[in-house]
Amino acid sequence: METFGRGCLWLILGVLGLFVIAVITQSSIHIPWFIFIPAVILVFWMASKKSKK
């Protein structure tokens, strides 16, 4: 459960960061699914590695 919580936290922070960038630049950001899905997998993989230490 700790890995899931940490992964969700990093995903939320990433989305908030993209939102802030979009507001500052007054534009919209489109992330294709073939970039988004591996990014989500990478975040949870990194969170699981941090939990095992």
C-alpha atoms as a PDB file:
ATOM      1  CA  MET A   1       0.000   0.000   0.000  1.00  0.00           C
ATOM      2  CA  GLU A   2       2.930   2.318   0.655  1.00  0.00           C
ATOM      3  CA  THR A   3       4.103   1.952  -2.967  1.00  0.00           C
ATOM      4  CA  PHE A   4       0.639   2.807  -4.281  1.00  0.00           C
ATOM      5  CA  GLY A   5       0.424   5.912  -2.077  1.00  0.00           C
ATOM      6  CA  ARG A   6       3.885   7.109  -3.032  1.00  0.00           C
ATOM      7  CA  GLY A   7       3.203   6.473  -6.734  1.00  0.00           C
ATOM      8  CA  CYS A   8      -0.082   8.382  -6.571  1.00  0.00           C
ATOM      9  CA  LEU A   9       1.644  11.252  -4.783  1.00  0.00           C
ATOM     10  CA  TRP A  10       4.251  11.555  -7.544  1.00  0.00           C
ATOM     11  CA  LEU A  11       1.560  11.371 -10.238  1.00  0.00           C
ATOM     12  CA  ILE A  12      -0.461  14.125  -8.533  1.00  0.00           C
ATOM     13  CA  LEU A  13       2.623  16.317  -8.176  1.00  0.00           C
ATOM     14  CA  GLY A  14       3.463  15.760 -11.850  1.00  0.00           C
ATOM     15  CA  VAL A  15      -0.051  16.712 -12.956  1.00  0.00           C
ATOM     16  CA  LEU A  16       0.015  19.817 -10.759  1.00  0.00           C
ATOM     17  CA  GLY A  17       3.389  20.756 -12.246  1.00  0.00           C
ATOM     18  CA  LEU A  18       2.019  20.422 -15.777  1.00  0.00           C
ATOM     19  CA  PHE A  19      -1.037  22.449 -14.764  1.00  0.00           C
ATOM     20  CA  VAL A  20       1.143  25.274 -13.423  1.00  0.00           C
ATOM     21  CA  ILE A  21       3.200  25.280 -16.635  1.00  0.00           C
ATOM     22  CA  ALA A  22       0.002  25.400 -18.709  1.00  0.00           C
ATOM     23  CA  VAL A  23      -1.351  28.322 -16.653  1.00  0.00           C
ATOM     24  CA  ILE A  24       1.910  30.264 -16.867  1.00  0.00           C
ATOM     25  CA  THR A  25       2.209  29.777 -20.629  1.00  0.00           C
ATOM     26  CA  GLN A  26      -1.566  30.140 -21.146  1.00  0.00           C
ATOM     27  CA  SER A  27      -1.670  27.048 -23.346  1.00  0.00           C
ATOM     28  CA  SER A  28      -2.987  23.510 -23.255  1.00  0.00           C
ATOM     29  CA  ILE A  29      -0.790  20.466 -22.856  1.00  0.00           C
ATOM     30  CA  HIS A  30      -1.658  17.248 -24.681  1.00  0.00           C
ATOM     31  CA  ILE A  31       0.146  14.084 -23.623  1.00  0.00           C
ATOM     32  CA  PRO A  32      -0.224  11.119 -25.997  1.00  0.00           C
ATOM     33  CA  TRP A  33      -1.154   7.765 -24.472  1.00  0.00           C
ATOM     34  CA  PHE A  34       2.108   6.154 -25.642  1.00  0.00           C
ATOM     35  CA  ILE A  35       4.015   8.605 -23.426  1.00  0.00           C
ATOM     36  CA  PHE A  36       1.541   8.737 -20.517  1.00  0.00           C
ATOM     37  CA  ILE A  37       1.219   4.987 -19.881  1.00  0.00           C
ATOM     38  CA  PRO A  38       4.990   4.293 -19.705  1.00  0.00           C
ATOM     39  CA  ALA A  39       5.383   7.363 -17.468  1.00  0.00           C
ATOM     40  CA  VAL A  40       2.788   5.981 -15.034  1.00  0.00           C
ATOM     41  CA  ILE A  41       4.517   2.589 -15.041  1.00  0.00           C
ATOM     42  CA  LEU A  42       7.874   4.274 -14.450  1.00  0.00           C
ATOM     43  CA  VAL A  43       6.530   6.286 -11.493  1.00  0.00           C
ATOM     44  CA  PHE A  44       5.128   3.205  -9.774  1.00  0.00           C
ATOM     45  CA  TRP A  45       8.312   1.225 -10.504  1.00  0.00           C
ATOM     46  CA  MET A  46      10.408   3.987  -8.918  1.00  0.00           C
ATOM     47  CA  ALA A  47       8.043   4.068  -5.921  1.00  0.00           C
ATOM     48  CA  SER A  48       8.369   0.303  -5.456  1.00  0.00           C
ATOM     49  CA  LYS A  49      12.167   0.496  -5.581  1.00  0.00           C
ATOM     50  CA  LYS A  50      12.151   3.203  -2.910  1.00  0.00           C
ATOM     51  CA  SER A  51       9.884   1.102  -0.654  1.00  0.00           C
ATOM     52  CA  LYS A  52      12.226  -1.901  -0.738  1.00  0.00           C
ATOM     53  CA  LYS A  53      15.229   0.036   0.610  1.00  0.00           C
END
